[in-house]
Amino acid sequence: MTATLGDVAPHAGRSTPSPARSPARGPRRALRPVWFELAPADLDFTRRAPFRIEVASLLQARPDRVFEIFARPEGMRDWITGFVDCRWTSPQPHGVGSTRELELHAVTFREHFIDWQPGSRFCFVIDAMTLPLMRRMVEDIQLQPFGASATLLRWSVHYEPRLLVRAVHPIARRLIYEGYRASAERLSRYILKNAATPA
């Protein structure tokens, strides 16, 4: 049975070093992050994952506009909680099979896309992360038209935590949920603020 928390409604475990980015200035070299690889997952994992976190939000923009906001790094700093950088690591055009890195203050993720339906669905697997928190993880963004010019966002995270995390899972789960909830609220404000700005 999947446990749900929401508003509305290589080999797993192996760590690998990442190439260091050159520092902008000074003699100090940036520390190379250690990557912890996750077990493979697919779309079916969204139905059988042991845990799920879901946030739902009504956004005042059409689904194609919301999809573009999720797909483009420009502007993410204004609405993703703890955002540092988003780097596509595969060439355009982006779609199923594309890869990127999403860097937050606390953790960085390597992602690859398993579903890409403009204006409808945006789904990716976490291949690796810089903290040993999860064994498997899939993030699924689904967009449903609501009236003539709004979108019902259902943003869900399906995951299996590592054994070491299970001891503090209730606390970790709440913190993860609050991060997604805050991002959804900031996204709503970002859309309203930029309603007249071209995508």
N, C-alpha and C. Protein backbone atom coordinates (compact mmCIF):
# COMPACT_ATOMS: atom_id res chain seq x y z
N MET A 1 0.85 -1.19 0.00
CA MET A 1 0.00 0.00 0.00
C MET A 1 0.88 1.24 0.00
N THR A 2 0.51 2.22 -0.80
CA THR A 2 1.29 3.44 -0.88
C THR A 2 0.83 4.43 0.18
N ALA A 3 1.77 4.96 0.94
CA ALA A 3 1.45 6.02 1.90
C ALA A 3 1.52 7.35 1.18
N THR A 4 0.49 8.19 1.37
CA THR A 4 0.41 9.45 0.62
C THR A 4 0.32 10.62 1.58
N LEU A 5 1.02 11.69 1.21
CA LEU A 5 0.93 12.94 1.95
C LEU A 5 0.67 14.02 0.92
N GLY A 6 -0.38 14.83 1.10
CA GLY A 6 -0.64 15.83 0.08
C GLY A 6 -1.61 16.88 0.54
N ASP A 7 -1.79 17.92 -0.31
CA ASP A 7 -2.69 19.02 -0.04
C ASP A 7 -4.11 18.64 -0.42
N VAL A 8 -4.29 18.45 -1.74
CA VAL A 8 -5.58 18.11 -2.28
C VAL A 8 -5.44 16.68 -2.77
N ALA A 9 -6.63 16.40 -2.42
CA ALA A 9 -6.45 15.00 -2.72
C ALA A 9 -5.04 14.57 -2.32
N PRO A 10 24.79 2.09 -13.68
CA PRO A 10 25.39 1.70 -12.51
C PRO A 10 24.53 1.07 -11.48
N HIS A 11 24.80 0.80 -10.15
CA HIS A 11 24.07 -0.02 -9.23
C HIS A 11 23.57 0.91 -8.14
N ALA A 12 22.42 0.55 -7.56
CA ALA A 12 21.88 1.35 -6.49
C ALA A 12 22.83 1.37 -5.31
N GLY A 13 22.97 2.56 -4.70
CA GLY A 13 23.78 2.68 -3.51
C GLY A 13 25.23 2.99 -3.78
N ARG A 14 25.70 2.81 -5.02
CA ARG A 14 27.09 3.11 -5.31
C ARG A 14 27.28 4.61 -5.43
N SER A 15 28.32 5.14 -4.82
CA SER A 15 28.59 6.57 -4.91
C SER A 15 29.72 6.80 -5.90
N THR A 16 29.57 7.88 -6.67
CA THR A 16 30.56 8.21 -7.67
C THR A 16 30.89 9.68 -7.59
N PRO A 17 32.17 10.05 -7.74
CA PRO A 17 32.53 11.46 -7.69
C PRO A 17 32.11 12.15 -8.97
N SER A 18 31.82 13.44 -8.85
CA SER A 18 31.45 14.24 -10.00
C SER A 18 32.60 15.15 -10.36
N PRO A 19 32.80 15.43 -11.65
CA PRO A 19 33.85 16.38 -12.02
C PRO A 19 33.61 17.73 -11.38
N ALA A 20 34.69 18.31 -10.87
CA ALA A 20 34.58 19.60 -10.20
C ALA A 20 34.41 20.72 -11.21
N ARG A 21 33.61 21.73 -10.85
CA ARG A 21 33.51 22.90 -11.67
C ARG A 21 34.63 23.86 -11.29
N SER A 22 35.20 24.51 -12.27
CA SER A 22 36.31 25.42 -12.00
C SER A 22 35.81 26.61 -11.20
N PRO A 23 36.53 27.01 -10.16
CA PRO A 23 36.11 28.18 -9.38
C PRO A 23 36.22 29.43 -10.22
N ALA A 24 35.35 30.38 -9.92
CA ALA A 24 35.33 31.62 -10.70
C ALA A 24 36.58 32.45 -10.44
N ARG A 25 37.13 32.41 -9.23
CA ARG A 25 38.31 33.20 -8.92
C ARG A 25 39.00 32.60 -7.71
N GLY A 26 40.25 33.04 -7.51
CA GLY A 26 40.98 32.62 -6.32
C GLY A 26 41.62 31.27 -6.45
N PRO A 27 42.55 30.93 -5.55
CA PRO A 27 43.29 29.68 -5.63
C PRO A 27 42.55 28.47 -5.10
N ARG A 28 41.44 28.68 -4.36
CA ARG A 28 40.75 27.56 -3.76
C ARG A 28 39.99 26.78 -4.82
N ARG A 29 40.04 25.46 -4.73
CA ARG A 29 39.32 24.62 -5.67
C ARG A 29 38.02 24.13 -5.05
N ALA A 30 36.97 24.09 -5.88
CA ALA A 30 35.68 23.62 -5.39
C ALA A 30 35.78 22.13 -5.03
N LEU A 31 35.11 21.76 -3.94
CA LEU A 31 35.07 20.36 -3.56
C LEU A 31 34.21 19.59 -4.56
N ARG A 32 34.66 18.41 -4.92
CA ARG A 32 33.89 17.60 -5.85
C ARG A 32 32.79 16.87 -5.09
N PRO A 33 31.53 17.04 -5.48
CA PRO A 33 30.45 16.34 -4.77
C PRO A 33 30.52 14.84 -5.02
N VAL A 34 30.04 14.09 -4.06
CA VAL A 34 29.94 12.64 -4.21
C VAL A 34 28.50 12.31 -4.61
N TRP A 35 28.36 11.50 -5.66
CA TRP A 35 27.03 11.12 -6.14
C TRP A 35 26.65 9.74 -5.62
N PHE A 36 25.43 9.61 -5.13
CA PHE A 36 24.88 8.34 -4.68
C PHE A 36 23.83 7.90 -5.71
N GLU A 37 24.12 6.82 -6.39
CA GLU A 37 23.24 6.35 -7.45
C GLU A 37 22.00 5.66 -6.88
N LEU A 38 20.88 5.87 -7.54
CA LEU A 38 19.62 5.26 -7.14
C LEU A 38 19.32 4.05 -8.03
N ALA A 39 18.45 3.19 -7.55
CA ALA A 39 18.02 2.04 -8.35
C ALA A 39 17.15 2.53 -9.51
N PRO A 40 17.14 1.79 -10.62
CA PRO A 40 16.31 2.20 -11.77
C PRO A 40 14.83 2.22 -11.41
N ALA A 41 14.09 3.08 -12.10
CA ALA A 41 12.64 3.16 -11.93
C ALA A 41 12.02 3.53 -13.27
N ASP A 42 10.71 3.31 -13.38
CA ASP A 42 10.01 3.64 -14.61
C ASP A 42 8.63 4.20 -14.24
N LEU A 43 7.78 4.41 -15.26
CA LEU A 43 6.47 4.98 -14.99
C LEU A 43 5.63 4.11 -14.06
N ASP A 44 5.83 2.81 -14.12
CA ASP A 44 5.06 1.91 -13.26
C ASP A 44 5.33 2.18 -11.78
N PHE A 45 6.50 2.72 -11.48
CA PHE A 45 6.85 3.02 -10.09
C PHE A 45 5.91 4.06 -9.49
N THR A 46 5.32 4.92 -10.34
CA THR A 46 4.36 5.90 -9.82
C THR A 46 3.11 5.23 -9.26
N ARG A 47 2.87 3.96 -9.61
CA ARG A 47 1.71 3.24 -9.11
C ARG A 47 2.05 2.29 -7.96
N ARG A 48 3.32 1.92 -7.85
CA ARG A 48 3.66 0.91 -6.84
C ARG A 48 4.67 1.39 -5.80
N ALA A 49 5.06 2.65 -5.85
CA ALA A 49 6.03 3.17 -4.87
C ALA A 49 5.45 3.06 -3.46
N PRO A 50 6.27 2.75 -2.47
CA PRO A 50 5.75 2.62 -1.10
C PRO A 50 5.31 3.94 -0.48
N PHE A 51 5.86 5.05 -0.98
CA PHE A 51 5.50 6.35 -0.43
C PHE A 51 5.27 7.35 -1.55
N ARG A 52 4.36 8.29 -1.28
CA ARG A 52 4.06 9.33 -2.24
C ARG A 52 3.76 10.63 -1.51
N ILE A 53 4.28 11.71 -2.04
CA ILE A 53 3.95 13.05 -1.56
C ILE A 53 3.29 13.77 -2.72
N GLU A 54 2.16 14.40 -2.49
CA GLU A 54 1.47 15.11 -3.56
C GLU A 54 1.04 16.49 -3.11
N VAL A 55 1.26 17.45 -3.99
CA VAL A 55 0.79 18.81 -3.79
C VAL A 55 -0.08 19.17 -4.98
N ALA A 56 -1.24 19.76 -4.73
CA ALA A 56 -2.12 20.20 -5.80
C ALA A 56 -2.31 21.71 -5.68
N SER A 57 -2.38 22.37 -6.84
CA SER A 57 -2.51 23.82 -6.84
C SER A 57 -3.23 24.27 -8.10
N LEU A 58 -4.09 25.26 -7.97
CA LEU A 58 -4.76 25.84 -9.12
C LEU A 58 -3.97 27.05 -9.57
N LEU A 59 -3.47 27.00 -10.80
CA LEU A 59 -2.59 28.03 -11.34
C LEU A 59 -3.31 28.84 -12.40
N GLN A 60 -3.11 30.15 -12.38
CA GLN A 60 -3.79 31.04 -13.32
C GLN A 60 -3.01 31.19 -14.61
N ALA A 61 -2.82 30.08 -15.29
CA ALA A 61 -2.17 30.06 -16.60
C ALA A 61 -2.59 28.78 -17.29
N ARG A 62 -2.52 28.77 -18.60
CA ARG A 62 -2.90 27.59 -19.35
C ARG A 62 -1.84 26.49 -19.21
N PRO A 63 -2.22 25.23 -19.40
CA PRO A 63 -1.27 24.13 -19.22
C PRO A 63 0.01 24.25 -20.05
N ASP A 64 -0.07 24.74 -21.29
CA ASP A 64 1.14 24.85 -22.10
C ASP A 64 2.12 25.85 -21.51
N ARG A 65 1.61 26.92 -20.91
CA ARG A 65 2.46 27.91 -20.25
C ARG A 65 3.10 27.32 -18.99
N VAL A 66 2.32 26.60 -18.19
CA VAL A 66 2.85 26.00 -16.98
C VAL A 66 3.93 24.97 -17.33
N PHE A 67 3.67 24.17 -18.36
CA PHE A 67 4.65 23.18 -18.78
C PHE A 67 5.97 23.86 -19.16
N GLU A 68 5.89 24.95 -19.89
CA GLU A 68 7.11 25.64 -20.31
C GLU A 68 7.88 26.18 -19.12
N ILE A 69 7.18 26.64 -18.10
CA ILE A 69 7.86 27.14 -16.89
C ILE A 69 8.62 26.01 -16.22
N PHE A 70 8.03 24.81 -16.14
CA PHE A 70 8.72 23.67 -15.55
C PHE A 70 9.91 23.23 -16.39
N ALA A 71 9.82 23.38 -17.71
CA ALA A 71 10.85 22.86 -18.60
C ALA A 71 12.04 23.80 -18.78
N ARG A 72 11.86 25.08 -18.48
CA ARG A 72 12.92 26.05 -18.74
C ARG A 72 13.60 26.49 -17.45
N PRO A 73 14.93 26.48 -17.39
CA PRO A 73 15.63 26.92 -16.17
C PRO A 73 15.40 28.40 -15.86
N GLU A 74 15.19 29.22 -16.89
CA GLU A 74 14.98 30.64 -16.66
C GLU A 74 13.77 30.87 -15.75
N GLY A 75 13.99 31.58 -14.67
CA GLY A 75 12.90 31.89 -13.75
C GLY A 75 12.78 30.93 -12.58
N MET A 76 13.45 29.77 -12.64
CA MET A 76 13.31 28.80 -11.55
C MET A 76 13.76 29.35 -10.21
N ARG A 77 14.74 30.24 -10.24
CA ARG A 77 15.23 30.82 -8.99
C ARG A 77 14.12 31.56 -8.24
N ASP A 78 13.12 32.03 -8.99
CA ASP A 78 12.05 32.82 -8.38
C ASP A 78 10.95 31.96 -7.76
N TRP A 79 10.94 30.65 -8.05
CA TRP A 79 9.83 29.88 -7.48
C TRP A 79 10.21 28.52 -6.90
N ILE A 80 11.36 27.94 -7.25
CA ILE A 80 11.75 26.67 -6.64
C ILE A 80 12.50 26.94 -5.33
N THR A 81 12.01 26.39 -4.25
CA THR A 81 12.62 26.61 -2.94
C THR A 81 14.04 26.07 -2.90
N GLY A 82 14.99 26.91 -2.49
CA GLY A 82 16.39 26.50 -2.36
C GLY A 82 17.13 26.36 -3.68
N PHE A 83 16.59 26.93 -4.75
CA PHE A 83 17.19 26.76 -6.08
C PHE A 83 18.56 27.41 -6.18
N VAL A 84 19.49 26.68 -6.83
CA VAL A 84 20.82 27.21 -7.15
C VAL A 84 21.04 27.24 -8.66
N ASP A 85 20.79 26.10 -9.33
CA ASP A 85 21.05 26.04 -10.77
C ASP A 85 20.31 24.85 -11.38
N CYS A 86 20.03 24.95 -12.67
CA CYS A 86 19.47 23.84 -13.44
C CYS A 86 20.24 23.76 -14.75
N ARG A 87 20.84 22.59 -15.03
CA ARG A 87 21.70 22.44 -16.20
C ARG A 87 21.21 21.26 -17.04
N TRP A 88 20.81 21.53 -18.27
CA TRP A 88 20.52 20.43 -19.19
C TRP A 88 21.83 19.77 -19.59
N THR A 89 21.88 18.45 -19.52
CA THR A 89 23.10 17.71 -19.86
C THR A 89 22.91 16.88 -21.12
N SER A 90 21.87 17.16 -21.86
CA SER A 90 21.63 16.52 -23.16
C SER A 90 21.17 17.61 -24.12
N PRO A 91 21.38 17.40 -25.41
CA PRO A 91 21.08 18.45 -26.38
C PRO A 91 19.58 18.61 -26.62
N GLN A 92 19.22 19.77 -27.18
CA GLN A 92 17.85 19.99 -27.63
C GLN A 92 17.61 19.21 -28.92
N PRO A 93 16.35 18.90 -29.25
CA PRO A 93 15.15 19.20 -28.47
C PRO A 93 15.01 18.26 -27.29
N HIS A 94 14.46 18.79 -26.19
CA HIS A 94 14.31 17.98 -25.00
C HIS A 94 13.02 17.18 -25.05
N GLY A 95 13.08 16.00 -24.43
CA GLY A 95 11.93 15.11 -24.41
C GLY A 95 12.27 13.85 -23.64
N VAL A 96 11.57 12.76 -23.91
CA VAL A 96 11.85 11.49 -23.25
C VAL A 96 13.31 11.10 -23.52
N GLY A 97 14.04 10.76 -22.46
CA GLY A 97 15.45 10.41 -22.58
C GLY A 97 16.39 11.56 -22.28
N SER A 98 15.88 12.80 -22.26
CA SER A 98 16.73 13.95 -21.94
C SER A 98 17.19 13.89 -20.49
N THR A 99 18.32 14.54 -20.20
CA THR A 99 18.89 14.52 -18.86
C THR A 99 19.23 15.93 -18.41
N ARG A 100 19.22 16.13 -17.12
CA ARG A 100 19.60 17.42 -16.55
C ARG A 100 20.04 17.24 -15.11
N GLU A 101 20.66 18.27 -14.55
CA GLU A 101 21.01 18.33 -13.14
C GLU A 101 20.29 19.51 -12.52
N LEU A 102 19.65 19.27 -11.39
CA LEU A 102 18.97 20.32 -10.64
C LEU A 102 19.69 20.47 -9.30
N GLU A 103 20.27 21.63 -9.10
CA GLU A 103 21.05 21.89 -7.89
C GLU A 103 20.26 22.79 -6.93
N LEU A 104 20.07 22.28 -5.71
CA LEU A 104 19.46 23.06 -4.64
C LEU A 104 20.54 23.35 -3.59
N HIS A 105 20.21 24.17 -2.61
CA HIS A 105 21.20 24.48 -1.58
C HIS A 105 21.63 23.22 -0.83
N ALA A 106 20.70 22.31 -0.57
CA ALA A 106 21.00 21.16 0.27
C ALA A 106 21.44 19.93 -0.52
N VAL A 107 21.00 19.80 -1.76
CA VAL A 107 21.24 18.56 -2.51
C VAL A 107 21.14 18.84 -4.00
N THR A 108 21.85 18.03 -4.80
CA THR A 108 21.78 18.13 -6.26
C THR A 108 21.28 16.79 -6.80
N PHE A 109 20.45 16.86 -7.84
CA PHE A 109 19.85 15.67 -8.44
C PHE A 109 20.30 15.53 -9.89
N ARG A 110 20.53 14.28 -10.32
CA ARG A 110 20.67 13.95 -11.73
C ARG A 110 19.37 13.28 -12.17
N GLU A 111 18.76 13.81 -13.23
CA GLU A 111 17.44 13.36 -13.64
C GLU A 111 17.44 12.92 -15.10
N HIS A 112 16.58 11.96 -15.43
CA HIS A 112 16.32 11.67 -16.84
C HIS A 112 14.82 11.50 -17.03
N PHE A 113 14.34 11.98 -18.17
CA PHE A 113 12.90 12.08 -18.40
C PHE A 113 12.34 10.79 -19.00
N ILE A 114 11.23 10.34 -18.42
CA ILE A 114 10.57 9.13 -18.89
C ILE A 114 9.19 9.43 -19.48
N ASP A 115 8.71 10.65 -19.32
CA ASP A 115 7.48 11.08 -19.99
C ASP A 115 7.58 12.58 -20.22
N TRP A 116 7.16 13.00 -21.40
CA TRP A 116 7.28 14.42 -21.80
C TRP A 116 6.13 14.70 -22.76
N GLN A 117 5.05 15.24 -22.21
CA GLN A 117 3.87 15.55 -23.01
C GLN A 117 3.57 17.03 -22.82
N PRO A 118 4.04 17.89 -23.73
CA PRO A 118 3.86 19.34 -23.57
C PRO A 118 2.40 19.70 -23.27
N GLY A 119 2.25 20.48 -22.20
CA GLY A 119 0.94 20.90 -21.78
C GLY A 119 0.17 19.87 -20.97
N SER A 120 0.79 18.73 -20.69
CA SER A 120 0.05 17.67 -20.00
C SER A 120 0.84 16.98 -18.89
N ARG A 121 2.05 16.50 -19.20
CA ARG A 121 2.79 15.71 -18.21
C ARG A 121 4.29 15.88 -18.38
N PHE A 122 4.99 15.88 -17.23
CA PHE A 122 6.43 16.13 -17.16
C PHE A 122 6.95 15.21 -16.07
N CYS A 123 7.59 14.09 -16.44
CA CYS A 123 7.92 13.06 -15.46
C CYS A 123 9.36 12.61 -15.63
N PHE A 124 10.09 12.53 -14.52
CA PHE A 124 11.49 12.12 -14.59
C PHE A 124 11.89 11.25 -13.41
N VAL A 125 12.93 10.44 -13.65
CA VAL A 125 13.52 9.58 -12.64
C VAL A 125 14.75 10.26 -12.08
N ILE A 126 14.96 10.14 -10.78
CA ILE A 126 16.21 10.59 -10.16
C ILE A 126 17.22 9.46 -10.30
N ASP A 127 18.29 9.70 -11.06
CA ASP A 127 19.33 8.69 -11.26
C ASP A 127 20.37 8.71 -10.15
N ALA A 128 20.65 9.89 -9.61
CA ALA A 128 21.67 10.02 -8.57
C ALA A 128 21.42 11.32 -7.81
N MET A 129 21.92 11.37 -6.59
CA MET A 129 21.80 12.58 -5.77
C MET A 129 23.00 12.66 -4.84
N THR A 130 23.23 13.85 -4.32
CA THR A 130 24.45 14.08 -3.53
C THR A 130 24.24 13.84 -2.04
N LEU A 131 23.09 13.32 -1.65
CA LEU A 131 22.85 12.86 -0.28
C LEU A 131 22.25 11.47 -0.36
N PRO A 132 22.65 10.56 0.53
CA PRO A 132 22.15 9.17 0.47
C PRO A 132 20.78 9.03 1.13
N LEU A 133 19.76 9.62 0.50
CA LEU A 133 18.43 9.65 1.10
C LEU A 133 17.47 8.62 0.52
N MET A 134 17.52 8.43 -0.79
CA MET A 134 16.53 7.62 -1.47
C MET A 134 17.15 6.42 -2.18
N ARG A 135 16.36 5.34 -2.26
CA ARG A 135 16.75 4.18 -3.05
C ARG A 135 16.17 4.28 -4.46
N ARG A 136 14.92 4.73 -4.56
CA ARG A 136 14.28 5.01 -5.84
C ARG A 136 13.46 6.28 -5.69
N MET A 137 13.32 7.03 -6.81
CA MET A 137 12.54 8.27 -6.74
C MET A 137 12.12 8.70 -8.14
N VAL A 138 10.85 9.01 -8.27
CA VAL A 138 10.29 9.53 -9.52
C VAL A 138 9.45 10.75 -9.20
N GLU A 139 9.62 11.79 -9.98
CA GLU A 139 8.84 13.01 -9.81
C GLU A 139 7.89 13.14 -11.00
N ASP A 140 6.63 13.42 -10.73
CA ASP A 140 5.60 13.41 -11.76
C ASP A 140 4.76 14.68 -11.67
N ILE A 141 4.80 15.50 -12.72
CA ILE A 141 4.03 16.74 -12.79
C ILE A 141 2.94 16.55 -13.82
N GLN A 142 1.68 16.59 -13.39
CA GLN A 142 0.55 16.44 -14.30
C GLN A 142 -0.27 17.71 -14.31
N LEU A 143 -0.67 18.12 -15.51
CA LEU A 143 -1.38 19.39 -15.72
C LEU A 143 -2.72 19.11 -16.36
N GLN A 144 -3.78 19.63 -15.74
CA GLN A 144 -5.13 19.45 -16.27
C GLN A 144 -5.76 20.82 -16.52
N PRO A 145 -6.34 21.04 -17.71
CA PRO A 145 -7.03 22.33 -17.96
C PRO A 145 -8.14 22.54 -16.94
N PHE A 146 -8.28 23.78 -16.51
CA PHE A 146 -9.34 24.14 -15.55
C PHE A 146 -9.97 25.43 -16.06
N GLY A 147 -11.16 25.29 -16.63
CA GLY A 147 -11.79 26.45 -17.25
C GLY A 147 -11.05 26.85 -18.51
N ALA A 148 -11.19 28.12 -18.88
CA ALA A 148 -10.62 28.59 -20.14
C ALA A 148 -9.15 28.94 -20.05
N SER A 149 -8.67 29.31 -18.86
CA SER A 149 -7.31 29.84 -18.80
C SER A 149 -6.55 29.46 -17.53
N ALA A 150 -6.94 28.39 -16.86
CA ALA A 150 -6.25 27.98 -15.63
C ALA A 150 -5.83 26.52 -15.75
N THR A 151 -5.00 26.10 -14.79
CA THR A 151 -4.45 24.74 -14.78
C THR A 151 -4.50 24.17 -13.38
N LEU A 152 -4.96 22.93 -13.29
CA LEU A 152 -4.85 22.21 -12.02
C LEU A 152 -3.54 21.43 -12.06
N LEU A 153 -2.62 21.82 -11.20
CA LEU A 153 -1.32 21.16 -11.09
C LEU A 153 -1.39 20.06 -10.04
N ARG A 154 -0.96 18.86 -10.42
CA ARG A 154 -0.77 17.77 -9.46
C ARG A 154 0.70 17.37 -9.53
N TRP A 155 1.41 17.72 -8.49
CA TRP A 155 2.87 17.56 -8.43
C TRP A 155 3.15 16.48 -7.39
N SER A 156 3.59 15.32 -7.84
CA SER A 156 3.77 14.20 -6.91
C SER A 156 5.19 13.65 -6.97
N VAL A 157 5.63 13.14 -5.84
CA VAL A 157 6.94 12.51 -5.70
C VAL A 157 6.71 11.10 -5.18
N HIS A 158 7.17 10.12 -5.92
CA HIS A 158 7.02 8.71 -5.57
C HIS A 158 8.41 8.19 -5.20
N TYR A 159 8.53 7.56 -4.05
CA TYR A 159 9.89 7.24 -3.59
C TYR A 159 9.94 6.05 -2.65
N GLU A 160 11.15 5.53 -2.56
CA GLU A 160 11.50 4.48 -1.60
C GLU A 160 12.74 4.96 -0.86
N PRO A 161 12.64 5.27 0.43
CA PRO A 161 13.80 5.78 1.15
C PRO A 161 14.82 4.69 1.44
N ARG A 162 16.05 5.08 1.65
CA ARG A 162 17.08 4.14 2.08
C ARG A 162 16.80 3.72 3.53
N LEU A 163 17.35 2.59 3.91
CA LEU A 163 17.09 2.06 5.24
C LEU A 163 17.51 3.03 6.34
N LEU A 164 18.64 3.69 6.15
CA LEU A 164 19.13 4.61 7.17
C LEU A 164 18.19 5.81 7.36
N VAL A 165 17.39 6.11 6.35
CA VAL A 165 16.49 7.26 6.43
C VAL A 165 15.19 6.89 7.13
N ARG A 166 14.86 5.60 7.15
CA ARG A 166 13.56 5.20 7.68
C ARG A 166 13.39 5.57 9.15
N ALA A 167 14.47 5.62 9.89
CA ALA A 167 14.37 5.96 11.32
C ALA A 167 13.86 7.38 11.53
N VAL A 168 14.18 8.27 10.60
CA VAL A 168 13.75 9.67 10.72
C VAL A 168 12.77 10.03 9.61
N HIS A 169 12.17 9.01 9.01
CA HIS A 169 11.32 9.25 7.85
C HIS A 169 10.15 10.19 8.12
N PRO A 170 9.44 10.08 9.24
CA PRO A 170 8.32 11.02 9.46
C PRO A 170 8.76 12.48 9.42
N ILE A 171 9.91 12.78 9.99
CA ILE A 171 10.42 14.16 9.98
C ILE A 171 10.87 14.54 8.58
N ALA A 172 11.64 13.65 7.94
CA ALA A 172 12.14 13.93 6.59
C ALA A 172 10.98 14.10 5.61
N ARG A 173 9.97 13.27 5.75
CA ARG A 173 8.80 13.33 4.86
C ARG A 173 8.10 14.67 4.98
N ARG A 174 7.93 15.14 6.18
CA ARG A 174 7.28 16.43 6.40
C ARG A 174 8.10 17.57 5.80
N LEU A 175 9.42 17.52 5.96
CA LEU A 175 10.28 18.56 5.40
C LEU A 175 10.23 18.56 3.87
N ILE A 176 10.24 17.37 3.28
CA ILE A 176 10.16 17.27 1.82
C ILE A 176 8.82 17.84 1.33
N TYR A 177 7.76 17.45 2.00
CA TYR A 177 6.43 17.94 1.63
C TYR A 177 6.38 19.47 1.70
N GLU A 178 6.90 20.03 2.78
CA GLU A 178 6.85 21.48 2.94
C GLU A 178 7.64 22.18 1.84
N GLY A 179 8.74 21.58 1.40
CA GLY A 179 9.51 22.17 0.32
C GLY A 179 8.72 22.23 -0.98
N TYR A 180 8.02 21.14 -1.31
CA TYR A 180 7.20 21.13 -2.53
C TYR A 180 6.00 22.06 -2.39
N ARG A 181 5.39 22.08 -1.24
CA ARG A 181 4.24 22.96 -1.03
C ARG A 181 4.65 24.42 -1.19
N ALA A 182 5.79 24.79 -0.61
CA ALA A 182 6.26 26.16 -0.73
C ALA A 182 6.58 26.51 -2.18
N SER A 183 7.17 25.57 -2.91
CA SER A 183 7.48 25.82 -4.32
C SER A 183 6.20 26.01 -5.13
N ALA A 184 5.18 25.21 -4.87
CA ALA A 184 3.91 25.36 -5.59
C ALA A 184 3.28 26.72 -5.30
N GLU A 185 3.35 27.17 -4.07
CA GLU A 185 2.80 28.49 -3.73
C GLU A 185 3.59 29.60 -4.41
N ARG A 186 4.91 29.46 -4.43
CA ARG A 186 5.74 30.46 -5.09
C ARG A 186 5.51 30.45 -6.59
N LEU A 187 5.26 29.26 -7.16
CA LEU A 187 4.97 29.18 -8.59
C LEU A 187 3.69 29.93 -8.91
N SER A 188 2.67 29.79 -8.08
CA SER A 188 1.41 30.50 -8.30
C SER A 188 1.64 32.01 -8.31
N ARG A 189 2.44 32.50 -7.36
CA ARG A 189 2.72 33.94 -7.30
C ARG A 189 3.56 34.38 -8.50
N TYR A 190 4.50 33.53 -8.90
CA TYR A 190 5.37 33.83 -10.05
C TYR A 190 4.53 33.98 -11.32
N ILE A 191 3.56 33.09 -11.51
CA ILE A 191 2.71 33.15 -12.69
C ILE A 191 1.88 34.43 -12.69
N LEU A 192 1.31 34.79 -11.55
CA LEU A 192 0.54 36.00 -11.49
C LEU A 192 1.39 37.24 -11.76
N LYS A 193 2.60 37.25 -11.21
CA LYS A 193 3.49 38.39 -11.38
C LYS A 193 3.93 38.53 -12.83
N ASN A 194 4.10 37.42 -13.52
CA ASN A 194 4.63 37.43 -14.88
C ASN A 194 3.56 37.13 -15.93
N ALA A 195 2.30 37.37 -15.57
CA ALA A 195 1.20 37.03 -16.48
C ALA A 195 1.33 37.71 -17.83
N ALA A 196 1.88 38.91 -17.84
CA ALA A 196 1.97 39.66 -19.09
C ALA A 196 3.33 39.49 -19.76
N THR A 197 4.21 38.66 -19.16
CA THR A 197 5.55 38.48 -19.70
C THR A 197 5.58 37.28 -20.63
N PRO A 198 6.10 37.40 -21.85
CA PRO A 198 6.15 36.26 -22.75
C PRO A 198 6.98 35.12 -22.16
N ALA A 199 6.63 33.88 -22.46
CA ALA A 199 7.37 32.72 -21.94
C ALA A 199 8.74 32.67 -22.53
